[in-house]
Structure formats: C-alpha cells, structure tokens
C-alpha cells in the first residue's frame, strides 16, 4: 500500500527520517486492519491516520532533538536592532540636512 503524500512533511515536522515514518505508517495500517477488520473504508483510513500520528508523536518524544527555532528567531531580531536604529538615525540626519539646506537657500 502506498504511503500518503504528506508523509515526508509529517516526518520532517516530527524530526524523524522518511524511512522511519514509512515504517510507522505500515505499522499503523496493520493496527487499523486489526481494529476495523475492513480495508479501504473511511473508518479504516481514519483509524490508520490517527494511529500513525500517535506513533509519530511517540517516536518524536523518544528523540533528543532540541527545539531552537524560536530562540534563533529572537536572536535574529535582536541582531537586527542596531541596524534598524542606524537606519532610523541616518534617515533623521538626512531629513535634518535637507531642512537645513532649504533654509540656507531661502536665506540667500
């Protein structure tokens, strides 16, 4: 039986390999067949998908992968703060310079 097209996405989201996710999918199909007794019905596919997601969560909890995405985003934003401040400072300086030049040209 073919694996679902979203299986690589689920695997990447959980942090497991695609091969391991395929093995979990096959296990979920076997368990769904044992639970429902029928193959190919909507109940069968629902049970298979639910069990696959359960197995994937169990597999994810056994992995020791740190979740640093949020930390990296905040560090990136904090790294951009000096650049944003410099940009605003130069914009203010340019506006003041334009104002000064306009006043000097009107006075002359």
PDB file of N, CA and C in Angstrom:
ATOM      1  N   UNK A   1       0.847  -1.177   0.000  1.00  0.00           N
ATOM      2  CA  UNK A   1       0.000   0.000   0.000  1.00  0.00           C
ATOM      3  C   UNK A   1       0.888   1.235   0.000  1.00  0.00           C
ATOM      4  N   UNK A   2       0.525   2.208  -0.797  1.00  0.00           N
ATOM      5  CA  UNK A   2       1.324   3.426  -0.907  1.00  0.00           C
ATOM      6  C   UNK A   2       1.177   4.286   0.340  1.00  0.00           C
ATOM      7  N   UNK A   3       2.265   4.977   0.649  1.00  0.00           N
ATOM      8  CA  UNK A   3       2.243   5.905   1.785  1.00  0.00           C
ATOM      9  C   UNK A   3       1.577   7.207   1.348  1.00  0.00           C
ATOM     10  N   UNK A   4       1.011   7.959   2.277  1.00  0.00           N
ATOM     11  CA  UNK A   4       0.385   9.222   1.911  1.00  0.00           C
ATOM     12  C   UNK A   4       1.423  10.237   1.408  1.00  0.00           C
ATOM     13  N   UNK A   5       0.970  11.149   0.571  1.00  0.00           N
ATOM     14  CA  UNK A   5       1.876  12.142   0.006  1.00  0.00           C
ATOM     15  C   UNK A   5       2.422  13.100   1.062  1.00  0.00           C
ATOM     16  N   UNK A   6       1.694  13.262   2.155  1.00  0.00           N
ATOM     17  CA  UNK A   6       2.139  14.163   3.217  1.00  0.00           C
ATOM     18  C   UNK A   6       3.103  13.496   4.186  1.00  0.00           C
ATOM     19  N   UNK A   7       3.422  12.235   3.975  1.00  0.00           N
ATOM     20  CA  UNK A   7       4.286  11.516   4.899  1.00  0.00           C
ATOM     21  C   UNK A   7       5.651  12.194   5.076  1.00  0.00           C
ATOM     22  N   UNK A   8       6.332  12.666   4.021  1.00  0.00           N
ATOM     23  CA  UNK A   8       7.606  13.362   4.241  1.00  0.00           C
ATOM     24  C   UNK A   8       7.441  14.638   5.069  1.00  0.00           C
ATOM     25  N   UNK A   9       6.339  15.329   4.878  1.00  0.00           N
ATOM     26  CA  UNK A   9       6.080  16.541   5.663  1.00  0.00           C
ATOM     27  C   UNK A   9       5.885  16.202   7.136  1.00  0.00           C
ATOM     28  N   UNK A  10       5.077  15.165   7.401  1.00  0.00           N
ATOM     29  CA  UNK A  10       4.881  14.720   8.776  1.00  0.00           C
ATOM     30  C   UNK A  10       6.215  14.300   9.399  1.00  0.00           C
ATOM     31  N   UNK A  11       7.026  13.575   8.629  1.00  0.00           N
ATOM     32  CA  UNK A  11       8.323  13.109   9.134  1.00  0.00           C
ATOM     33  C   UNK A  11       9.228  14.284   9.473  1.00  0.00           C
ATOM     34  N   UNK A  12       9.305  15.249   8.582  1.00  0.00           N
ATOM     35  CA  UNK A  12      10.152  16.425   8.813  1.00  0.00           C
ATOM     36  C   UNK A  12       9.656  17.226  10.008  1.00  0.00           C
ATOM     37  N   UNK A  13       8.341  17.348  10.126  1.00  0.00           N
ATOM     38  CA  UNK A  13       7.750  18.092  11.237  1.00  0.00           C
ATOM     39  C   UNK A  13       8.059  17.408  12.575  1.00  0.00           C
ATOM     40  N   UNK A  14       8.056  16.093  12.581  1.00  0.00           N
ATOM     41  CA  UNK A  14       8.328  15.346  13.810  1.00  0.00           C
ATOM     42  C   UNK A  14       9.821  15.158  14.050  1.00  0.00           C
ATOM     43  N   UNK A  15      10.636  15.388  13.021  1.00  0.00           N
ATOM     44  CA  UNK A  15      12.073  15.233  13.186  1.00  0.00           C
ATOM     45  C   UNK A  15      12.566  13.809  13.034  1.00  0.00           C
ATOM     46  N   UNK A  16      11.815  12.984  12.328  1.00  0.00           N
ATOM     47  CA  UNK A  16      12.239  11.605  12.086  1.00  0.00           C
ATOM     48  C   UNK A  16      12.536  11.437  10.605  1.00  0.00           C
ATOM     49  N   UNK A  17      13.241  10.374  10.273  1.00  0.00           N
ATOM     50  CA  UNK A  17      13.552  10.127   8.868  1.00  0.00           C
ATOM     51  C   UNK A  17      12.304   9.652   8.129  1.00  0.00           C
ATOM     52  N   UNK A  18      12.327   9.814   6.817  1.00  0.00           N
ATOM     53  CA  UNK A  18      11.191   9.391   5.989  1.00  0.00           C
ATOM     54  C   UNK A  18      11.054   7.864   6.050  1.00  0.00           C
ATOM     55  N   UNK A  19      12.182   7.164   6.093  1.00  0.00           N
ATOM     56  CA  UNK A  19      12.136   5.703   6.162  1.00  0.00           C
ATOM     57  C   UNK A  19      11.456   5.245   7.457  1.00  0.00           C
ATOM     58  N   UNK A  20      11.781   5.904   8.561  1.00  0.00           N
ATOM     59  CA  UNK A  20      11.164   5.547   9.840  1.00  0.00           C
ATOM     60  C   UNK A  20       9.670   5.876   9.821  1.00  0.00           C
ATOM     61  N   UNK A  21       9.319   7.006   9.200  1.00  0.00           N
ATOM     62  CA  UNK A  21       7.905   7.376   9.098  1.00  0.00           C
ATOM     63  C   UNK A  21       7.143   6.365   8.246  1.00  0.00           C
ATOM     64  N   UNK A  22       7.777   5.844   7.194  1.00  0.00           N
ATOM     65  CA  UNK A  22       7.126   4.812   6.373  1.00  0.00           C
ATOM     66  C   UNK A  22       6.909   3.532   7.178  1.00  0.00           C
ATOM     67  N   UNK A  23       7.883   3.187   8.011  1.00  0.00           N
ATOM     68  CA  UNK A  23       7.721   2.005   8.865  1.00  0.00           C
ATOM     69  C   UNK A  23       6.577   2.221   9.857  1.00  0.00           C
ATOM     70  N   UNK A  24       6.471   3.409  10.405  1.00  0.00           N
ATOM     71  CA  UNK A  24       5.372   3.713  11.324  1.00  0.00           C
ATOM     72  C   UNK A  24       4.035   3.692  10.595  1.00  0.00           C
ATOM     73  N   UNK A  25       4.021   4.152   9.343  1.00  0.00           N
ATOM     74  CA  UNK A  25       2.785   4.127   8.549  1.00  0.00           C
ATOM     75  C   UNK A  25       2.334   2.690   8.316  1.00  0.00           C
ATOM     76  N   UNK A  26       3.280   1.799   7.972  1.00  0.00           N
ATOM     77  CA  UNK A  26       2.928   0.391   7.767  1.00  0.00           C
ATOM     78  C   UNK A  26       2.404  -0.230   9.060  1.00  0.00           C
ATOM     79  N   UNK A  27       3.008   0.123  10.190  1.00  0.00           N
ATOM     80  CA  UNK A  27       2.531  -0.389  11.475  1.00  0.00           C
ATOM     81  C   UNK A  27       1.120   0.119  11.763  1.00  0.00           C
ATOM     82  N   UNK A  28       0.868   1.402  11.444  1.00  0.00           N
ATOM     83  CA  UNK A  28      -0.465   1.971  11.654  1.00  0.00           C
ATOM     84  C   UNK A  28      -1.497   1.266  10.781  1.00  0.00           C
ATOM     85  N   UNK A  29      -1.122   0.908   9.553  1.00  0.00           N
ATOM     86  CA  UNK A  29      -2.043   0.183   8.669  1.00  0.00           C
ATOM     87  C   UNK A  29      -2.362  -1.201   9.226  1.00  0.00           C
ATOM     88  N   UNK A  30      -1.340  -1.886   9.732  1.00  0.00           N
ATOM     89  CA  UNK A  30      -1.582  -3.218  10.317  1.00  0.00           C
ATOM     90  C   UNK A  30      -2.527  -3.125  11.511  1.00  0.00           C
ATOM     91  N   UNK A  31      -2.301  -2.121  12.360  1.00  0.00           N
ATOM     92  CA  UNK A  31      -3.147  -1.970  13.543  1.00  0.00           C
ATOM     93  C   UNK A  31      -4.564  -1.543  13.157  1.00  0.00           C
ATOM     94  N   UNK A  32      -4.693  -0.711  12.123  1.00  0.00           N
ATOM     95  CA  UNK A  32      -6.021  -0.303  11.675  1.00  0.00           C
ATOM     96  C   UNK A  32      -6.781  -1.487  11.086  1.00  0.00           C
ATOM     97  N   UNK A  33      -6.067  -2.355  10.377  1.00  0.00           N
ATOM     98  CA  UNK A  33      -6.699  -3.554   9.837  1.00  0.00           C
ATOM     99  C   UNK A  33      -7.184  -4.456  10.968  1.00  0.00           C
ATOM    100  N   UNK A  34      -6.376  -4.592  12.007  1.00  0.00           N
ATOM    101  CA  UNK A  34      -6.773  -5.432  13.142  1.00  0.00           C
ATOM    102  C   UNK A  34      -7.944  -4.806  13.905  1.00  0.00           C
ATOM    103  N   UNK A  35      -7.971  -3.496  14.007  1.00  0.00           N
ATOM    104  CA  UNK A  35      -9.039  -2.817  14.764  1.00  0.00           C
ATOM    105  C   UNK A  35     -10.364  -2.815  14.018  1.00  0.00           C
ATOM    106  N   UNK A  36     -10.333  -2.491  12.720  1.00  0.00           N
ATOM    107  CA  UNK A  36     -11.582  -2.331  11.981  1.00  0.00           C
ATOM    108  C   UNK A  36     -12.034  -3.617  11.289  1.00  0.00           C
ATOM    109  N   UNK A  37     -11.069  -4.422  10.875  1.00  0.00           N
ATOM    110  CA  UNK A  37     -11.429  -5.650  10.171  1.00  0.00           C
ATOM    111  C   UNK A  37     -11.675  -5.436   8.689  1.00  0.00           C
ATOM    112  N   UNK A  38     -11.768  -4.211   8.262  1.00  0.00           N
ATOM    113  CA  UNK A  38     -12.013  -3.881   6.864  1.00  0.00           C
ATOM    114  C   UNK A  38     -10.865  -3.041   6.342  1.00  0.00           C
ATOM    115  N   UNK A  39     -10.607  -3.187   5.070  1.00  0.00           N
ATOM    116  CA  UNK A  39      -9.541  -2.406   4.439  1.00  0.00           C
ATOM    117  C   UNK A  39     -10.160  -1.510   3.375  1.00  0.00           C
ATOM    118  N   UNK A  40      -9.805  -0.247   3.408  1.00  0.00           N
ATOM    119  CA  UNK A  40     -10.251   0.661   2.360  1.00  0.00           C
ATOM    120  C   UNK A  40     -11.449   1.508   2.699  1.00  0.00           C
ATOM    121  N   UNK A  41     -12.086   1.286   3.817  1.00  0.00           N
ATOM    122  CA  UNK A  41     -13.236   2.120   4.185  1.00  0.00           C
ATOM    123  C   UNK A  41     -12.746   3.420   4.806  1.00  0.00           C
ATOM    124  N   UNK A  42     -13.647   4.363   4.913  1.00  0.00           N
ATOM    125  CA  UNK A  42     -13.272   5.644   5.505  1.00  0.00           C
ATOM    126  C   UNK A  42     -12.909   5.483   6.978  1.00  0.00           C
ATOM    127  N   UNK A  43     -13.578   4.572   7.665  1.00  0.00           N
ATOM    128  CA  UNK A  43     -13.242   4.304   9.068  1.00  0.00           C
ATOM    129  C   UNK A  43     -11.824   3.747   9.171  1.00  0.00           C
ATOM    130  N   UNK A  44     -11.478   2.856   8.262  1.00  0.00           N
ATOM    131  CA  UNK A  44     -10.142   2.262   8.237  1.00  0.00           C
ATOM    132  C   UNK A  44      -9.080   3.343   8.072  1.00  0.00           C
ATOM    133  N   UNK A  45      -9.272   4.236   7.092  1.00  0.00           N
ATOM    134  CA  UNK A  45      -8.282   5.284   6.838  1.00  0.00           C
ATOM    135  C   UNK A  45      -8.209   6.271   7.994  1.00  0.00           C
ATOM    136  N   UNK A  46      -9.338   6.551   8.611  1.00  0.00           N
ATOM    137  CA  UNK A  46      -9.334   7.442   9.764  1.00  0.00           C
ATOM    138  C   UNK A  46      -8.556   6.863  10.934  1.00  0.00           C
ATOM    139  N   UNK A  47      -8.782   5.566  11.199  1.00  0.00           N
ATOM    140  CA  UNK A  47      -8.061   4.887  12.286  1.00  0.00           C
ATOM    141  C   UNK A  47      -6.574   4.808  11.948  1.00  0.00           C
ATOM    142  N   UNK A  48      -6.265   4.524  10.684  1.00  0.00           N
ATOM    143  CA  UNK A  48      -4.859   4.415  10.276  1.00  0.00           C
ATOM    144  C   UNK A  48      -4.138   5.749  10.449  1.00  0.00           C
ATOM    145  N   UNK A  49      -4.776   6.812  10.017  1.00  0.00           N
ATOM    146  CA  UNK A  49      -4.131   8.123  10.135  1.00  0.00           C
ATOM    147  C   UNK A  49      -3.977   8.533  11.592  1.00  0.00           C
ATOM    148  N   UNK A  50      -5.007   8.309  12.388  1.00  0.00           N
ATOM    149  CA  UNK A  50      -4.929   8.668  13.812  1.00  0.00           C
ATOM    150  C   UNK A  50      -3.825   7.874  14.502  1.00  0.00           C
ATOM    151  N   UNK A  51      -3.755   6.587  14.206  1.00  0.00           N
ATOM    152  CA  UNK A  51      -2.718   5.760  14.832  1.00  0.00           C
ATOM    153  C   UNK A  51      -1.333   6.161  14.351  1.00  0.00           C
ATOM    154  N   UNK A  52      -1.208   6.514  13.078  1.00  0.00           N
ATOM    155  CA  UNK A  52       0.081   6.968  12.547  1.00  0.00           C
ATOM    156  C   UNK A  52       0.551   8.222  13.277  1.00  0.00           C
ATOM    157  N   UNK A  53      -0.353   9.169  13.476  1.00  0.00           N
ATOM    158  CA  UNK A  53       0.020  10.396  14.183  1.00  0.00           C
ATOM    159  C   UNK A  53       0.400  10.109  15.636  1.00  0.00           C
ATOM    160  N   UNK A  54      -0.295   9.160  16.258  1.00  0.00           N
ATOM    161  CA  UNK A  54       0.068   8.754  17.629  1.00  0.00           C
ATOM    162  C   UNK A  54       1.467   8.140  17.658  1.00  0.00           C
ATOM    163  N   UNK A  55       1.726   7.231  16.721  1.00  0.00           N
ATOM    164  CA  UNK A  55       3.043   6.599  16.655  1.00  0.00           C
ATOM    165  C   UNK A  55       4.138   7.619  16.383  1.00  0.00           C
ATOM    166  N   UNK A  56       3.831   8.591  15.532  1.00  0.00           N
ATOM    167  CA  UNK A  56       4.804   9.621  15.213  1.00  0.00           C
ATOM    168  C   UNK A  56       5.112  10.488  16.436  1.00  0.00           C
ATOM    169  N   UNK A  57       4.083  10.813  17.225  1.00  0.00           N
ATOM    170  CA  UNK A  57       4.309  11.580  18.452  1.00  0.00           C
ATOM    171  C   UNK A  57       5.134  10.779  19.446  1.00  0.00           C
ATOM    172  N   UNK A  58       4.849   9.489  19.569  1.00  0.00           N
ATOM    173  CA  UNK A  58       5.637   8.641  20.462  1.00  0.00           C
ATOM    174  C   UNK A  58       7.097   8.601  20.018  1.00  0.00           C
ATOM    175  N   UNK A  59       7.313   8.495  18.713  1.00  0.00           N
ATOM    176  CA  UNK A  59       8.672   8.473  18.175  1.00  0.00           C
ATOM    177  C   UNK A  59       9.367   9.809  18.412  1.00  0.00           C
ATOM    178  N   UNK A  60       8.634  10.884  18.257  1.00  0.00           N
ATOM    179  CA  UNK A  60       9.207  12.221  18.455  1.00  0.00           C
ATOM    180  C   UNK A  60       9.618  12.420  19.906  1.00  0.00           C
ATOM    181  N   UNK A  61       8.833  11.884  20.832  1.00  0.00           N
ATOM    182  CA  UNK A  61       9.157  12.064  22.248  1.00  0.00           C
ATOM    183  C   UNK A  61      10.396  11.276  22.645  1.00  0.00           C
ATOM    184  N   UNK A  62      10.760  10.241  21.886  1.00  0.00           N
ATOM    185  CA  UNK A  62      11.962   9.484  22.207  1.00  0.00           C
ATOM    186  C   UNK A  62      13.219  10.153  21.674  1.00  0.00           C
ATOM    187  N   UNK A  63      13.065  11.074  20.733  1.00  0.00           N
ATOM    188  CA  UNK A  63      14.222  11.759  20.162  1.00  0.00           C
ATOM    189  C   UNK A  63      14.714  12.834  21.121  1.00  0.00           C
ATOM    190  N   UNK A  64      15.979  13.090  21.058  1.00  0.00           N
ATOM    191  CA  UNK A  64      16.571  14.108  21.923  1.00  0.00           C
ATOM    192  C   UNK A  64      16.996  15.282  21.047  1.00  0.00           C
ATOM    193  N   UNK A  65      16.059  15.854  20.340  1.00  0.00           N
ATOM    194  CA  UNK A  65      16.356  16.973  19.452  1.00  0.00           C
ATOM    195  C   UNK A  65      15.898  18.272  20.104  1.00  0.00           C
ATOM    196  N   UNK A  66      16.804  19.222  20.279  1.00  0.00           N
ATOM    197  CA  UNK A  66      16.404  20.493  20.896  1.00  0.00           C
ATOM    198  C   UNK A  66      15.564  21.327  19.934  1.00  0.00           C
ATOM    199  N   UNK A  67      14.645  22.075  20.487  1.00  0.00           N
ATOM    200  CA  UNK A  67      13.803  22.959  19.689  1.00  0.00           C
ATOM    201  C   UNK A  67      14.356  24.373  19.835  1.00  0.00           C
ATOM    202  N   UNK A  68      15.136  24.802  18.873  1.00  0.00           N
ATOM    203  CA  UNK A  68      15.819  26.093  18.972  1.00  0.00           C
ATOM    204  C   UNK A  68      15.289  27.112  17.968  1.00  0.00           C
ATOM    205  N   UNK A  69      14.241  26.762  17.268  1.00  0.00           N
ATOM    206  CA  UNK A  69      13.748  27.663  16.227  1.00  0.00           C
ATOM    207  C   UNK A  69      13.298  29.002  16.802  1.00  0.00           C
ATOM    208  N   UNK A  70      12.526  28.991  17.874  1.00  0.00           N
ATOM    209  CA  UNK A  70      12.066  30.231  18.483  1.00  0.00           C
ATOM    210  C   UNK A  70      13.217  31.051  19.032  1.00  0.00           C
ATOM    211  N   UNK A  71      14.190  30.375  19.636  1.00  0.00           N
ATOM    212  CA  UNK A  71      15.366  31.059  20.159  1.00  0.00           C
ATOM    213  C   UNK A  71      16.142  31.740  19.035  1.00  0.00           C
ATOM    214  N   UNK A  72      16.309  31.041  17.919  1.00  0.00           N
ATOM    215  CA  UNK A  72      17.056  31.613  16.800  1.00  0.00           C
ATOM    216  C   UNK A  72      16.327  32.812  16.206  1.00  0.00           C
ATOM    217  N   UNK A  73      15.001  32.752  16.138  1.00  0.00           N
ATOM    218  CA  UNK A  73      14.248  33.897  15.628  1.00  0.00           C
ATOM    219  C   UNK A  73      14.448  35.122  16.505  1.00  0.00           C
ATOM    220  N   UNK A  74      14.376  34.942  17.828  1.00  0.00           N
ATOM    221  CA  UNK A  74      14.543  36.093  18.720  1.00  0.00           C
ATOM    222  C   UNK A  74      15.961  36.628  18.637  1.00  0.00           C
ATOM    223  N   UNK A  75      16.953  35.763  18.505  1.00  0.00           N
ATOM    224  CA  UNK A  75      18.334  36.228  18.370  1.00  0.00           C
ATOM    225  C   UNK A  75      18.521  36.987  17.065  1.00  0.00           C
ATOM    226  N   UNK A  76      17.871  36.532  16.024  1.00  0.00           N
ATOM    227  CA  UNK A  76      17.960  37.228  14.732  1.00  0.00           C
ATOM    228  C   UNK A  76      17.363  38.631  14.839  1.00  0.00           C
ATOM    229  N   UNK A  77      16.190  38.723  15.487  1.00  0.00           N
ATOM    230  CA  UNK A  77      15.554  40.036  15.647  1.00  0.00           C
ATOM    231  C   UNK A  77      16.425  40.957  16.487  1.00  0.00           C
ATOM    232  N   UNK A  78      17.019  40.429  17.560  1.00  0.00           N
ATOM    233  CA  UNK A  78      17.870  41.267  18.405  1.00  0.00           C
ATOM    234  C   UNK A  78      19.136  41.671  17.656  1.00  0.00           C
ATOM    235  N   UNK A  79      19.618  40.837  16.773  1.00  0.00           N
ATOM    236  CA  UNK A  79      20.775  41.186  15.959  1.00  0.00           C
ATOM    237  C   UNK A  79      20.468  42.283  14.960  1.00  0.00           C
ATOM    238  N   UNK A  80      19.231  42.368  14.534  1.00  0.00           N
ATOM    239  CA  UNK A  80      18.840  43.408  13.577  1.00  0.00           C
ATOM    240  C   UNK A  80      18.599  44.766  14.232  1.00  0.00           C
ATOM    241  N   UNK A  81      18.411  44.810  15.545  1.00  0.00           N
ATOM    242  CA  UNK A  81      18.090  46.068  16.219  1.00  0.00           C
ATOM    243  C   UNK A  81      19.125  47.168  15.981  1.00  0.00           C
ATOM    244  N   UNK A  82      20.437  46.918  16.098  1.00  0.00           N
ATOM    245  CA  UNK A  82      21.389  48.003  15.825  1.00  0.00           C
ATOM    246  C   UNK A  82      21.313  48.520  14.392  1.00  0.00           C
ATOM    247  N   UNK A  83      21.063  47.621  13.451  1.00  0.00           N
ATOM    248  CA  UNK A  83      20.948  48.056  12.056  1.00  0.00           C
ATOM    249  C   UNK A  83      19.702  48.914  11.849  1.00  0.00           C
ATOM    250  N   UNK A  84      18.602  48.534  12.474  1.00  0.00           N
ATOM    251  CA  UNK A  84      17.379  49.328  12.360  1.00  0.00           C
ATOM    252  C   UNK A  84      17.555  50.691  13.008  1.00  0.00           C
ATOM    253  N   UNK A  85      18.228  50.726  14.156  1.00  0.00           N
ATOM    254  CA  UNK A  85      18.474  52.004  14.825  1.00  0.00           C
ATOM    255  C   UNK A  85      19.363  52.897  13.975  1.00  0.00           C
ATOM    256  N   UNK A  86      20.398  52.332  13.363  1.00  0.00           N
ATOM    257  CA  UNK A  86      21.283  53.126  12.497  1.00  0.00           C
ATOM    258  C   UNK A  86      20.517  53.644  11.286  1.00  0.00           C
ATOM    259  N   UNK A  87      19.662  52.822  10.715  1.00  0.00           N
ATOM    260  CA  UNK A  87      18.874  53.263   9.562  1.00  0.00           C
ATOM    261  C   UNK A  87      17.973  54.441   9.927  1.00  0.00           C
ATOM    262  N   UNK A  88      17.321  54.356  11.088  1.00  0.00           N
ATOM    263  CA  UNK A  88      16.461  55.464  11.514  1.00  0.00           C
ATOM    264  C   UNK A  88      17.274  56.719  11.816  1.00  0.00           C
ATOM    265  N   UNK A  89      18.459  56.552  12.380  1.00  0.00           N
ATOM    266  CA  UNK A  89      19.306  57.702  12.676  1.00  0.00           C
ATOM    267  C   UNK A  89      19.737  58.393  11.380  1.00  0.00           C
ATOM    268  N   UNK A  90      20.158  57.635  10.383  1.00  0.00           N
ATOM    269  CA  UNK A  90      20.573  58.220   9.114  1.00  0.00           C
ATOM    270  C   UNK A  90      19.404  58.872   8.388  1.00  0.00           C
ATOM    271  N   UNK A  91      18.208  58.309   8.510  1.00  0.00           N
ATOM    272  CA  UNK A  91      17.023  58.922   7.907  1.00  0.00           C
ATOM    273  C   UNK A  91      16.732  60.266   8.560  1.00  0.00           C
ATOM    274  N   UNK A  92      16.842  60.323   9.884  1.00  0.00           N
ATOM    275  CA  UNK A  92      16.614  61.587  10.595  1.00  0.00           C
ATOM    276  C   UNK A  92      17.689  62.607  10.237  1.00  0.00           C
ATOM    277  N   UNK A  93      18.939  62.165  10.131  1.00  0.00           N
ATOM    278  CA  UNK A  93      20.018  63.087   9.760  1.00  0.00           C
ATOM    279  C   UNK A  93      19.809  63.635   8.351  1.00  0.00           C
ATOM    280  N   UNK A  94      19.381  62.793   7.422  1.00  0.00           N
ATOM    281  CA  UNK A  94      19.147  63.240   6.052  1.00  0.00           C
ATOM    282  C   UNK A  94      17.997  64.243   6.008  1.00  0.00           C
ATOM    283  N   UNK A  95      16.930  63.991   6.785  1.00  0.00           N
ATOM    284  CA  UNK A  95      15.812  64.929   6.818  1.00  0.00           C
ATOM    285  C   UNK A  95      16.251  66.268   7.406  1.00  0.00           C
ATOM    286  N   UNK A  96      17.046  66.240   8.467  1.00  0.00           N
ATOM    287  CA  UNK A  96      17.542  67.484   9.053  1.00  0.00           C
ATOM    288  C   UNK A  96      18.456  68.220   8.087  1.00  0.00           C
ATOM    289  N   UNK A  97      19.292  67.495   7.361  1.00  0.00           N
ATOM    290  CA  UNK A  97      20.189  68.117   6.391  1.00  0.00           C
ATOM    291  C   UNK A  97      19.394  68.786   5.268  1.00  0.00           C
ATOM    292  N   UNK A  98      18.342  68.105   4.805  1.00  0.00           N
ATOM    293  CA  UNK A  98      17.500  68.686   3.764  1.00  0.00           C
ATOM    294  C   UNK A  98      16.834  69.962   4.279  1.00  0.00           C
ATOM    295  N   UNK A  99      16.330  69.936   5.499  1.00  0.00           N
ATOM    296  CA  UNK A  99      15.711  71.114   6.098  1.00  0.00           C
ATOM    297  C   UNK A  99      16.716  72.254   6.213  1.00  0.00           C
ATOM    298  N   UNK A 100      17.942  71.950   6.647  1.00  0.00           N
ATOM    299  CA  UNK A 100      18.985  72.962   6.798  1.00  0.00           C
ATOM    300  C   UNK A 100      19.349  73.558   5.447  1.00  0.00           C
ATOM    301  N   UNK A 101      19.499  72.715   4.421  1.00  0.00           N
ATOM    302  CA  UNK A 101      19.842  73.221   3.089  1.00  0.00           C
ATOM    303  C   UNK A 101      18.728  74.082   2.519  1.00  0.00           C
ATOM    304  N   UNK A 102      17.462  73.708   2.753  1.00  0.00           N
ATOM    305  CA  UNK A 102      16.336  74.511   2.256  1.00  0.00           C
ATOM    306  C   UNK A 102      16.300  75.867   2.947  1.00  0.00           C
ATOM    307  N   UNK A 103      16.603  75.923   4.241  1.00  0.00           N
ATOM    308  CA  UNK A 103      16.608  77.202   4.944  1.00  0.00           C
ATOM    309  C   UNK A 103      17.745  78.081   4.463  1.00  0.00           C
ATOM    310  N   UNK A 104      18.905  77.489   4.186  1.00  0.00           N
ATOM    311  CA  UNK A 104      20.056  78.251   3.709  1.00  0.00           C
ATOM    312  C   UNK A 104      19.791  78.812   2.311  1.00  0.00           C
ATOM    313  N   UNK A 105      19.117  78.042   1.457  1.00  0.00           N
ATOM    314  CA  UNK A 105      18.854  78.514   0.098  1.00  0.00           C
ATOM    315  C   UNK A 105      17.787  79.629   0.122  1.00  0.00           C
ATOM    316  N   UNK A 106      16.837  79.584   1.068  1.00  0.00           N
ATOM    317  CA  UNK A 106      15.825  80.633   1.172  1.00  0.00           C
ATOM    318  C   UNK A 106      16.449  81.910   1.725  1.00  0.00           C
ATOM    319  N   UNK A 107      17.426  81.791   2.618  1.00  0.00           N
ATOM    320  CA  UNK A 107      18.076  82.959   3.222  1.00  0.00           C
ATOM    321  C   UNK A 107      18.972  83.665   2.206  1.00  0.00           C
ATOM    322  N   UNK A 108      19.470  82.980   1.246  1.00  0.00           N
ATOM    323  CA  UNK A 108      20.405  83.588   0.290  1.00  0.00           C
ATOM    324  C   UNK A 108      19.725  84.324  -0.806  1.00  0.00           C
TER     325      UNK A 108
END
